[in-house]
Structures are given as structure tokens and as C-alpha cells.
Amino acid sequence: MAFYRDLVGLPEIGRFEGHDGYDGVFLDLPGTGAHLEFTSGGDHEAPEPHPESLLVLYFDDAQEIERIAGRMPADPVTPANPYWRVNARAYADPDGFQVLLALRG
């Protein structure tokens, strides 16, 4: 959660532990009325990262994207989709999934 909470800057708004074998964390997506929930547990294997499994976060302010990029410990990655190569900054989360920071509009 440190990647999404501390580096991307999504506020943690709740969590649970030991619910039928699962733990989870809720992160706010400010200004949207929505949130992300990340869970762990269960008897299945974690999915493998895929170049088209993306989390795209849109921002109104290019300076906010630059602030987030400045907190990233690794260089950006190159998305498979040419559109995102031009219109977003992509970073791999600790599991290898791509998170794209894009300007709204």
C-alpha cells in the first residue's frame, strides 16, 4: 500500500483484516466519490501483470503529476499502447502492474 498511499498520494480511508481469510485497504480517489479497494488472501495465486492491465489516474493539474513523479523511486516504464506513451507517465507498482498518470481532457 505504500506505493499507492505514500508515493501516488491516495488517502487511506479504511481497512479490514481477517474477513473470511482476506485483508483489505480502501484508498480514496479524491474528487470522484469513488475509492479503490485492494485485497489479499484466499486460496488463489495472484494474477500476473499484463501490458494492458492498467490503472489510469486522471489529474486536472500537470504540476500534481510532476509532484507524484518526483516521489517515484524508479524511472517511468513504457506502456504498450502508443496513445499512453504520448499522453501519460507510466510507473510499475511493486507487483509489476502499470499505473498511468494522465492529464484530464
C-alpha atoms as a PDB file:
ATOM      1  CA  MET A   1       0.000   0.000   0.000  1.00  0.00           C
ATOM      2  CA  ALA A   2       2.956   2.285   0.460  1.00  0.00           C
ATOM      3  CA  PHE A   3       3.177   2.736  -3.338  1.00  0.00           C
ATOM      4  CA  TYR A   4      -0.407   3.913  -3.774  1.00  0.00           C
ATOM      5  CA  ARG A   5      -0.764   5.727  -0.453  1.00  0.00           C
ATOM      6  CA  ASP A   6       2.670   7.281   0.043  1.00  0.00           C
ATOM      7  CA  LEU A   7       4.016   7.672  -3.497  1.00  0.00           C
ATOM      8  CA  VAL A   8       0.877   8.205  -5.601  1.00  0.00           C
ATOM      9  CA  GLY A   9      -0.745  10.023  -2.673  1.00  0.00           C
ATOM     10  CA  LEU A  10      -4.141   8.325  -2.467  1.00  0.00           C
ATOM     11  CA  PRO A  11      -5.511   8.760   1.078  1.00  0.00           C
ATOM     12  CA  GLU A  12      -6.225   5.602   3.049  1.00  0.00           C
ATOM     13  CA  ILE A  13      -9.848   5.717   4.222  1.00  0.00           C
ATOM     14  CA  GLY A  14     -10.263   2.276   5.783  1.00  0.00           C
ATOM     15  CA  ARG A  15      -9.030  -1.256   6.125  1.00  0.00           C
ATOM     16  CA  PHE A  16     -10.058  -4.684   7.324  1.00  0.00           C
ATOM     17  CA  GLU A  17      -8.225  -7.803   8.438  1.00  0.00           C
ATOM     18  CA  GLY A  18      -9.203 -11.446   8.745  1.00  0.00           C
ATOM     19  CA  HIS A  19     -12.572 -11.220   6.995  1.00  0.00           C
ATOM     20  CA  ASP A  20     -13.174 -14.764   5.723  1.00  0.00           C
ATOM     21  CA  GLY A  21      -9.447 -15.114   5.009  1.00  0.00           C
ATOM     22  CA  TYR A  22      -8.990 -11.717   3.370  1.00  0.00           C
ATOM     23  CA  ASP A  23      -7.347  -8.446   4.342  1.00  0.00           C
ATOM     24  CA  GLY A  24      -8.030  -5.196   2.525  1.00  0.00           C
ATOM     25  CA  VAL A  25      -7.347  -1.485   2.290  1.00  0.00           C
ATOM     26  CA  PHE A  26      -9.570   1.268   0.864  1.00  0.00           C
ATOM     27  CA  LEU A  27      -7.973   4.271  -0.839  1.00  0.00           C
ATOM     28  CA  ASP A  28      -9.848   7.421  -1.757  1.00  0.00           C
ATOM     29  CA  LEU A  29      -9.849   8.795  -5.292  1.00  0.00           C
ATOM     30  CA  PRO A  30     -10.264  12.456  -4.293  1.00  0.00           C
ATOM     31  CA  GLY A  31     -12.938  14.405  -6.105  1.00  0.00           C
ATOM     32  CA  THR A  32     -14.580  11.342  -7.659  1.00  0.00           C
ATOM     33  CA  GLY A  33     -16.842   9.906  -4.966  1.00  0.00           C
ATOM     34  CA  ALA A  34     -15.122   6.566  -5.663  1.00  0.00           C
ATOM     35  CA  HIS A  35     -12.398   4.553  -3.994  1.00  0.00           C
ATOM     36  CA  LEU A  36     -10.058   1.663  -4.727  1.00  0.00           C
ATOM     37  CA  GLU A  37     -10.058  -1.493  -2.674  1.00  0.00           C
ATOM     38  CA  PHE A  38      -7.009  -3.720  -2.618  1.00  0.00           C
ATOM     39  CA  THR A  39      -7.370  -7.159  -1.053  1.00  0.00           C
ATOM     40  CA  SER A  40      -5.071 -10.051  -0.279  1.00  0.00           C
ATOM     41  CA  GLY A  41      -5.787 -13.577   0.836  1.00  0.00           C
ATOM     42  CA  GLY A  42      -7.765 -16.519  -0.430  1.00  0.00           C
ATOM     43  CA  ASP A  43      -6.522 -19.754  -1.950  1.00  0.00           C
ATOM     44  CA  HIS A  44      -5.744 -18.490  -5.467  1.00  0.00           C
ATOM     45  CA  GLU A  45      -2.497 -17.226  -6.950  1.00  0.00           C
ATOM     46  CA  ALA A  46      -2.027 -13.520  -7.589  1.00  0.00           C
ATOM     47  CA  PRO A  47      -2.534 -12.510 -11.234  1.00  0.00           C
ATOM     48  CA  GLU A  48       0.450 -11.892 -13.466  1.00  0.00           C
ATOM     49  CA  PRO A  49       0.974  -8.337 -14.739  1.00  0.00           C
ATOM     50  CA  HIS A  50      -0.075  -7.782 -18.346  1.00  0.00           C
ATOM     51  CA  PRO A  51       0.850  -4.783 -20.537  1.00  0.00           C
ATOM     52  CA  GLU A  52      -2.828  -3.921 -20.995  1.00  0.00           C
ATOM     53  CA  SER A  53      -3.831  -4.261 -17.320  1.00  0.00           C
ATOM     54  CA  LEU A  54      -3.580  -0.601 -16.456  1.00  0.00           C
ATOM     55  CA  LEU A  55      -4.781   1.689 -13.723  1.00  0.00           C
ATOM     56  CA  VAL A  56      -5.178   5.135 -15.278  1.00  0.00           C
ATOM     57  CA  LEU A  57      -5.459   8.054 -12.870  1.00  0.00           C
ATOM     58  CA  TYR A  58      -6.542  11.370 -14.361  1.00  0.00           C
ATOM     59  CA  PHE A  59      -5.479  14.724 -12.939  1.00  0.00           C
ATOM     60  CA  ASP A  60      -6.598  18.292 -13.624  1.00  0.00           C
ATOM     61  CA  ASP A  61      -3.158  19.697 -12.878  1.00  0.00           C
ATOM     62  CA  ALA A  62       0.103  18.781 -14.657  1.00  0.00           C
ATOM     63  CA  GLN A  63       2.017  20.003 -11.607  1.00  0.00           C
ATOM     64  CA  GLU A  64       0.340  17.302  -9.486  1.00  0.00           C
ATOM     65  CA  ILE A  65       1.565  14.671 -11.943  1.00  0.00           C
ATOM     66  CA  GLU A  66       5.076  16.131 -11.652  1.00  0.00           C
ATOM     67  CA  ARG A  67       4.893  16.046  -7.831  1.00  0.00           C
ATOM     68  CA  ILE A  68       3.896  12.381  -7.892  1.00  0.00           C
ATOM     69  CA  ALA A  69       6.572  11.563 -10.474  1.00  0.00           C
ATOM     70  CA  GLY A  70       9.130  13.202  -8.198  1.00  0.00           C
ATOM     71  CA  ARG A  71       8.265  10.759  -5.396  1.00  0.00           C
ATOM     72  CA  MET A  72       8.691   7.654  -7.567  1.00  0.00           C
ATOM     73  CA  PRO A  73      11.804   5.643  -6.702  1.00  0.00           C
ATOM     74  CA  ALA A  74      12.145   4.183 -10.223  1.00  0.00           C
ATOM     75  CA  ASP A  75      12.109   5.580 -13.737  1.00  0.00           C
ATOM     76  CA  PRO A  76       8.902   5.560 -15.765  1.00  0.00           C
ATOM     77  CA  VAL A  77       8.079   2.460 -17.799  1.00  0.00           C
ATOM     78  CA  THR A  78       6.964   2.419 -21.434  1.00  0.00           C
ATOM     79  CA  PRO A  79       3.310   1.468 -21.985  1.00  0.00           C
ATOM     80  CA  ALA A  80       2.492  -0.972 -24.806  1.00  0.00           C
ATOM     81  CA  ASN A  81      -0.265   1.293 -26.147  1.00  0.00           C
ATOM     82  CA  PRO A  82       1.191   4.159 -28.236  1.00  0.00           C
ATOM     83  CA  TYR A  83      -1.552   6.506 -27.014  1.00  0.00           C
ATOM     84  CA  TRP A  84      -0.344   6.226 -23.436  1.00  0.00           C
ATOM     85  CA  ARG A  85       3.291   6.691 -24.460  1.00  0.00           C
ATOM     86  CA  VAL A  86       2.343  10.212 -25.538  1.00  0.00           C
ATOM     87  CA  ASN A  87      -0.457  11.058 -23.089  1.00  0.00           C
ATOM     88  CA  ALA A  88       0.633   9.695 -19.697  1.00  0.00           C
ATOM     89  CA  ARG A  89       3.527   8.925 -17.397  1.00  0.00           C
ATOM     90  CA  ALA A  90       3.611   5.240 -16.544  1.00  0.00           C
ATOM     91  CA  TYR A  91       5.139   3.586 -13.495  1.00  0.00           C
ATOM     92  CA  ALA A  92       5.221  -0.037 -12.413  1.00  0.00           C
ATOM     93  CA  ASP A  93       3.742  -0.733  -8.994  1.00  0.00           C
ATOM     94  CA  PRO A  94       5.538  -3.235  -6.721  1.00  0.00           C
ATOM     95  CA  ASP A  95       3.606  -6.112  -8.344  1.00  0.00           C
ATOM     96  CA  GLY A  96       4.607  -5.015 -11.860  1.00  0.00           C
ATOM     97  CA  PHE A  97       1.246  -3.567 -12.909  1.00  0.00           C
ATOM     98  CA  GLN A  98       1.331  -0.226 -14.696  1.00  0.00           C
ATOM     99  CA  VAL A  99      -0.155   2.897 -13.140  1.00  0.00           C
ATOM    100  CA  LEU A 100      -0.619   5.748 -15.596  1.00  0.00           C
ATOM    101  CA  LEU A 101      -0.756   9.395 -14.578  1.00  0.00           C
ATOM    102  CA  ALA A 102      -2.682  11.318 -17.228  1.00  0.00           C
ATOM    103  CA  LEU A 103      -3.900  14.849 -17.640  1.00  0.00           C
ATOM    104  CA  ARG A 104      -7.693  15.069 -17.819  1.00  0.00           C
ATOM    105  CA  GLY A 105      -9.117  16.471 -21.016  1.00  0.00           C
END
